[in-house]
Amino acid sequence: MTQPTLEAAQAKIDGLARECFNESDYELFCAVLLQLDKYRALADSNREAMYNQDKEFTEHMKIQQSEIDSLTESVAYWQKQATLLFVENKRLTEQSGKGAEHGGGDPNGVISKSGQDGL
């Protein structure tokens, strides 16, 4: 048994509607079917728009995630560098016993244009 085509199904529905409804009810029935068809077309359009929007959002999210990963790597690098500098500074401070945390010299870290601390 073959499946009916859309046109055949619509013709059968139309024939049944003409049999079951008087002329004004039939016109109302046709108007309702037309409205439903418009709503279906609108729903299809909205579905496609939402799909495209979701696709764009997914692409944007991938780009953002890539940027986040890059920043995370940079932060990890600079945290490591800061830790190494802190450890080296601590070692130098303990080794010299004086002012290494300020670059050696004035504890306020002020260096004059002549290169002498605190002048």
Foldseek 3Di string as FASTA:
>chain_A
DDDDDPVVVVVVVLVVLPVPDPPVVSVVVVVVVVVVVVVVVVVVVVVVVVVVVVVVVVVVVVVVVVVVVVVVVVVVVVVVVVVVVVVVLVVVCVVVVDDSVLVDADVVVDADPVRHPPD
